[in-house]
Every structure is written in C-alpha cells, then in structure tokens.
C-alpha cells in the first residue's frame, strides 16, 4: 500500500471516520496525479471508472473531509473553480504560474521568498507560517499562438 494511503487510513481511523473503498480510491487518485491540480469534476470522472454509481456529492463530501483533515489543500486560480492537491505537510506551499489564456497551471518549486519572509516577520513581529504566490500571464504555448 502506498505510504500516503496508509497515512490516510490511519488518520481516518484515528478520527473515527470509516475507511471506505471510495475514500481510498480518491486518495489513490491524488497519489497517481501528484503535482496536478484536480477539480472535483476531474476526480469524479476518474472515480467513476471504478465506481460508476458514485455521485458528485460524495466526491465533494470526501474532498471537504480530506481538506478539513489536512490531507489535501484547496487552491484557487481566479477562475471560480476549486482545485485540490496533496498537502505539503509543513512545507511551504509551492507557487503557481497561471496562464490567463488557456488556464494551464505550472508549479514553481523554488522558494525564493524565505529572506523576505524573515524580514517581514521581524519588522512586523509576525510569526509567518506559510505564504502563497500566484503569477498570472501567458504560458509558452499561448505566447507562440499554439493551442493545448
């Protein structure tokens, strides 16, 4: 069993939640699509391949539960749609490049703001736990006039 699936099962059990095949499958989808930013509809489509009878409402409830438990994080890219990704568990959230033409999202894993974060914390006497940065512009394909 994947390490994250074991972690999920332990967290659910510790909080007296049922460990269902649907919940495990949704977590497996996040593990299989790590680094992607999946919407509830994306996840629903993938879950239906194994559980055709599962409803979108069940997926939404599971995502809310996982977000509440800190297993996944909800991210917004300014298009009115929630997307989800695996939680970084104490690491700084990575940053995102968002194409305003095609909607493509790329991750920026370098954290170049640590010095700025320390400085702000000292000046404002504020204990910063995390930060998020989103850059909006045009991806390399849209800049060249190509389509996805």
C-alpha atoms as a PDB file:
ATOM      1  CA  UNK A   1       0.000   0.000   0.000  1.00  0.00           C
ATOM      2  CA  UNK A   2       1.272   3.458  -0.901  1.00  0.00           C
ATOM      3  CA  UNK A   3       2.638   5.387   2.102  1.00  0.00           C
ATOM      4  CA  UNK A   4       0.058   8.171   1.679  1.00  0.00           C
ATOM      5  CA  UNK A   5      -2.796   5.665   1.531  1.00  0.00           C
ATOM      6  CA  UNK A   6      -1.588   4.131   4.788  1.00  0.00           C
ATOM      7  CA  UNK A   7      -1.380   7.632   6.283  1.00  0.00           C
ATOM      8  CA  UNK A   8      -4.958   8.374   5.191  1.00  0.00           C
ATOM      9  CA  UNK A   9      -6.269   5.140   6.596  1.00  0.00           C
ATOM     10  CA  UNK A  10      -4.593   5.832   9.958  1.00  0.00           C
ATOM     11  CA  UNK A  11      -5.881   9.430  10.063  1.00  0.00           C
ATOM     12  CA  UNK A  12      -9.444   8.380   9.230  1.00  0.00           C
ATOM     13  CA  UNK A  13      -9.394   5.601  11.820  1.00  0.00           C
ATOM     14  CA  UNK A  14      -7.936   7.903  14.495  1.00  0.00           C
ATOM     15  CA  UNK A  15     -10.786  10.386  13.936  1.00  0.00           C
ATOM     16  CA  UNK A  16     -13.414   7.587  13.880  1.00  0.00           C
ATOM     17  CA  UNK A  17     -14.215   8.008  10.179  1.00  0.00           C
ATOM     18  CA  UNK A  18     -14.953   4.966   8.052  1.00  0.00           C
ATOM     19  CA  UNK A  19     -12.282   3.804   5.647  1.00  0.00           C
ATOM     20  CA  UNK A  20     -14.303   3.167   2.506  1.00  0.00           C
ATOM     21  CA  UNK A  21     -13.132   1.920  -0.874  1.00  0.00           C
ATOM     22  CA  UNK A  22     -14.320   5.228  -2.384  1.00  0.00           C
ATOM     23  CA  UNK A  23     -12.223   7.293   0.036  1.00  0.00           C
ATOM     24  CA  UNK A  24      -9.187   5.128  -0.595  1.00  0.00           C
ATOM     25  CA  UNK A  25      -9.689   5.423  -4.356  1.00  0.00           C
ATOM     26  CA  UNK A  26      -9.928   9.219  -4.158  1.00  0.00           C
ATOM     27  CA  UNK A  27      -6.669   9.295  -2.205  1.00  0.00           C
ATOM     28  CA  UNK A  28      -5.109   6.922  -4.767  1.00  0.00           C
ATOM     29  CA  UNK A  29      -6.142   9.348  -7.499  1.00  0.00           C
ATOM     30  CA  UNK A  30      -4.275  12.147  -5.723  1.00  0.00           C
ATOM     31  CA  UNK A  31      -1.204   9.904  -5.396  1.00  0.00           C
ATOM     32  CA  UNK A  32      -1.373   8.902  -9.067  1.00  0.00           C
ATOM     33  CA  UNK A  33      -1.817  12.532 -10.166  1.00  0.00           C
ATOM     34  CA  UNK A  34       0.607  14.174  -7.753  1.00  0.00           C
ATOM     35  CA  UNK A  35       1.584  17.635  -8.951  1.00  0.00           C
ATOM     36  CA  UNK A  36      -1.713  18.095 -10.774  1.00  0.00           C
ATOM     37  CA  UNK A  37      -4.476  20.436  -9.682  1.00  0.00           C
ATOM     38  CA  UNK A  38      -7.656  18.394  -9.898  1.00  0.00           C
ATOM     39  CA  UNK A  39     -11.187  19.760  -9.713  1.00  0.00           C
ATOM     40  CA  UNK A  40     -13.999  17.803  -8.060  1.00  0.00           C
ATOM     41  CA  UNK A  41     -15.307  17.060 -11.547  1.00  0.00           C
ATOM     42  CA  UNK A  42     -11.908  15.689 -12.627  1.00  0.00           C
ATOM     43  CA  UNK A  43     -11.817  13.429  -9.589  1.00  0.00           C
ATOM     44  CA  UNK A  44     -15.429  12.343 -10.094  1.00  0.00           C
ATOM     45  CA  UNK A  45     -14.677  11.342 -13.688  1.00  0.00           C
ATOM     46  CA  UNK A  46     -11.651   9.301 -12.581  1.00  0.00           C
ATOM     47  CA  UNK A  47     -13.511   7.651  -9.675  1.00  0.00           C
ATOM     48  CA  UNK A  48     -16.398   6.638 -11.946  1.00  0.00           C
ATOM     49  CA  UNK A  49     -14.032   4.397 -13.911  1.00  0.00           C
ATOM     50  CA  UNK A  50     -14.091   2.018 -10.913  1.00  0.00           C
ATOM     51  CA  UNK A  51     -17.280   3.114  -9.120  1.00  0.00           C
ATOM     52  CA  UNK A  52     -19.748   4.182 -11.863  1.00  0.00           C
ATOM     53  CA  UNK A  53     -22.509   4.657  -9.298  1.00  0.00           C
ATOM     54  CA  UNK A  54     -20.628   7.207  -7.164  1.00  0.00           C
ATOM     55  CA  UNK A  55     -22.203  10.655  -7.149  1.00  0.00           C
ATOM     56  CA  UNK A  56     -20.501  14.009  -7.433  1.00  0.00           C
ATOM     57  CA  UNK A  57     -21.889  14.933  -3.996  1.00  0.00           C
ATOM     58  CA  UNK A  58     -19.956  12.024  -2.450  1.00  0.00           C
ATOM     59  CA  UNK A  59     -16.765  13.276  -4.091  1.00  0.00           C
ATOM     60  CA  UNK A  60     -17.404  16.801  -2.773  1.00  0.00           C
ATOM     61  CA  UNK A  61     -18.034  15.497   0.763  1.00  0.00           C
ATOM     62  CA  UNK A  62     -14.848  13.434   0.643  1.00  0.00           C
ATOM     63  CA  UNK A  63     -12.811  16.395  -0.609  1.00  0.00           C
ATOM     64  CA  UNK A  64     -14.186  18.589   2.191  1.00  0.00           C
ATOM     65  CA  UNK A  65     -13.326  15.908   4.756  1.00  0.00           C
ATOM     66  CA  UNK A  66      -9.799  15.476   3.381  1.00  0.00           C
ATOM     67  CA  UNK A  67      -9.264  19.259   3.328  1.00  0.00           C
ATOM     68  CA  UNK A  68     -10.536  19.572   6.912  1.00  0.00           C
ATOM     69  CA  UNK A  69      -8.124  16.818   7.972  1.00  0.00           C
ATOM     70  CA  UNK A  70      -5.183  18.500   6.205  1.00  0.00           C
ATOM     71  CA  UNK A  71      -4.689  15.649   3.721  1.00  0.00           C
ATOM     72  CA  UNK A  72      -5.326  17.837   0.695  1.00  0.00           C
ATOM     73  CA  UNK A  73      -5.325  21.566   0.078  1.00  0.00           C
ATOM     74  CA  UNK A  74      -7.876  23.599  -1.815  1.00  0.00           C
ATOM     75  CA  UNK A  75      -6.323  26.010  -4.300  1.00  0.00           C
ATOM     76  CA  UNK A  76      -7.931  28.838  -6.248  1.00  0.00           C
ATOM     77  CA  UNK A  77      -6.592  30.188  -9.514  1.00  0.00           C
ATOM     78  CA  UNK A  78      -9.047  33.031 -10.032  1.00  0.00           C
ATOM     79  CA  UNK A  79     -11.364  31.179 -12.402  1.00  0.00           C
ATOM     80  CA  UNK A  80     -14.109  30.401  -9.878  1.00  0.00           C
ATOM     81  CA  UNK A  81     -13.257  26.693  -9.712  1.00  0.00           C
ATOM     82  CA  UNK A  82     -11.797  24.948  -6.672  1.00  0.00           C
ATOM     83  CA  UNK A  83      -8.923  22.612  -7.342  1.00  0.00           C
ATOM     84  CA  UNK A  84      -7.217  20.241  -4.955  1.00  0.00           C
ATOM     85  CA  UNK A  85      -3.742  18.854  -4.447  1.00  0.00           C
ATOM     86  CA  UNK A  86      -1.966  16.775  -1.811  1.00  0.00           C
ATOM     87  CA  UNK A  87      -0.988  18.712   1.279  1.00  0.00           C
ATOM     88  CA  UNK A  88       2.676  19.646   1.639  1.00  0.00           C
ATOM     89  CA  UNK A  89       2.616  18.702   5.381  1.00  0.00           C
ATOM     90  CA  UNK A  90       4.523  21.568   6.929  1.00  0.00           C
ATOM     91  CA  UNK A  91       6.486  22.583   3.855  1.00  0.00           C
ATOM     92  CA  UNK A  92       5.892  25.925   2.226  1.00  0.00           C
ATOM     93  CA  UNK A  93       3.274  25.704  -0.436  1.00  0.00           C
ATOM     94  CA  UNK A  94       4.803  25.880  -3.859  1.00  0.00           C
ATOM     95  CA  UNK A  95       3.945  28.752  -6.143  1.00  0.00           C
ATOM     96  CA  UNK A  96       1.947  28.673  -9.366  1.00  0.00           C
ATOM     97  CA  UNK A  97       2.198  30.114 -12.867  1.00  0.00           C
ATOM     98  CA  UNK A  98      -1.312  30.553 -14.281  1.00  0.00           C
ATOM     99  CA  UNK A  99      -1.924  31.203 -17.968  1.00  0.00           C
ATOM    100  CA  UNK A 100      -4.778  33.682 -18.355  1.00  0.00           C
ATOM    101  CA  UNK A 101      -5.463  32.498 -21.903  1.00  0.00           C
ATOM    102  CA  UNK A 102      -5.603  28.672 -21.748  1.00  0.00           C
ATOM    103  CA  UNK A 103      -5.853  28.204 -17.959  1.00  0.00           C
ATOM    104  CA  UNK A 104      -2.756  25.993 -17.759  1.00  0.00           C
ATOM    105  CA  UNK A 105      -1.173  25.881 -14.289  1.00  0.00           C
ATOM    106  CA  UNK A 106       2.501  25.139 -13.687  1.00  0.00           C
ATOM    107  CA  UNK A 107       4.198  24.718 -10.340  1.00  0.00           C
ATOM    108  CA  UNK A 108       7.221  26.712  -9.225  1.00  0.00           C
ATOM    109  CA  UNK A 109       9.017  24.670  -6.596  1.00  0.00           C
ATOM    110  CA  UNK A 110      11.790  27.141  -5.779  1.00  0.00           C
ATOM    111  CA  UNK A 111      11.083  29.140  -2.648  1.00  0.00           C
ATOM    112  CA  UNK A 112      12.848  32.439  -3.195  1.00  0.00           C
ATOM    113  CA  UNK A 113      10.908  34.322  -0.533  1.00  0.00           C
ATOM    114  CA  UNK A 114      12.445  32.956   2.673  1.00  0.00           C
ATOM    115  CA  UNK A 115      14.643  36.038   3.236  1.00  0.00           C
ATOM    116  CA  UNK A 116      11.696  38.362   2.582  1.00  0.00           C
ATOM    117  CA  UNK A 117       9.522  36.278   4.907  1.00  0.00           C
ATOM    118  CA  UNK A 118      12.087  36.532   7.727  1.00  0.00           C
ATOM    119  CA  UNK A 119      12.410  40.290   7.224  1.00  0.00           C
ATOM    120  CA  UNK A 120       8.637  40.844   7.274  1.00  0.00           C
ATOM    121  CA  UNK A 121       8.350  38.666  10.365  1.00  0.00           C
ATOM    122  CA  UNK A 122      10.972  40.700  12.196  1.00  0.00           C
ATOM    123  CA  UNK A 123       9.682  44.145  11.158  1.00  0.00           C
ATOM    124  CA  UNK A 124       6.032  43.385  11.935  1.00  0.00           C
ATOM    125  CA  UNK A 125       6.696  40.972  14.820  1.00  0.00           C
ATOM    126  CA  UNK A 126       4.618  38.387  12.985  1.00  0.00           C
ATOM    127  CA  UNK A 127       5.205  34.632  13.059  1.00  0.00           C
ATOM    128  CA  UNK A 128       4.728  33.666   9.402  1.00  0.00           C
ATOM    129  CA  UNK A 129       3.797  30.028   8.912  1.00  0.00           C
ATOM    130  CA  UNK A 130       3.317  29.942   5.166  1.00  0.00           C
ATOM    131  CA  UNK A 131       2.802  32.028   2.044  1.00  0.00           C
ATOM    132  CA  UNK A 132       1.422  31.558  -1.439  1.00  0.00           C
ATOM    133  CA  UNK A 133       2.341  33.315  -4.635  1.00  0.00           C
ATOM    134  CA  UNK A 134       0.477  33.133  -7.933  1.00  0.00           C
ATOM    135  CA  UNK A 135       1.863  34.586 -11.128  1.00  0.00           C
ATOM    136  CA  UNK A 136      -0.616  35.346 -13.931  1.00  0.00           C
ATOM    137  CA  UNK A 137       0.465  35.692 -17.548  1.00  0.00           C
ATOM    138  CA  UNK A 138       0.806  33.706 -20.772  1.00  0.00           C
ATOM    139  CA  UNK A 139       2.324  30.230 -20.994  1.00  0.00           C
ATOM    140  CA  UNK A 140       4.912  29.380 -23.662  1.00  0.00           C
ATOM    141  CA  UNK A 141       2.265  27.803 -25.953  1.00  0.00           C
ATOM    142  CA  UNK A 142      -0.072  30.804 -25.817  1.00  0.00           C
ATOM    143  CA  UNK A 143       2.838  33.194 -26.367  1.00  0.00           C
ATOM    144  CA  UNK A 144       3.609  31.317 -29.596  1.00  0.00           C
ATOM    145  CA  UNK A 145      -0.043  31.107 -30.639  1.00  0.00           C
ATOM    146  CA  UNK A 146      -0.250  27.323 -30.174  1.00  0.00           C
ATOM    147  CA  UNK A 147      -3.222  25.555 -28.653  1.00  0.00           C
ATOM    148  CA  UNK A 148      -3.161  22.839 -25.982  1.00  0.00           C
END
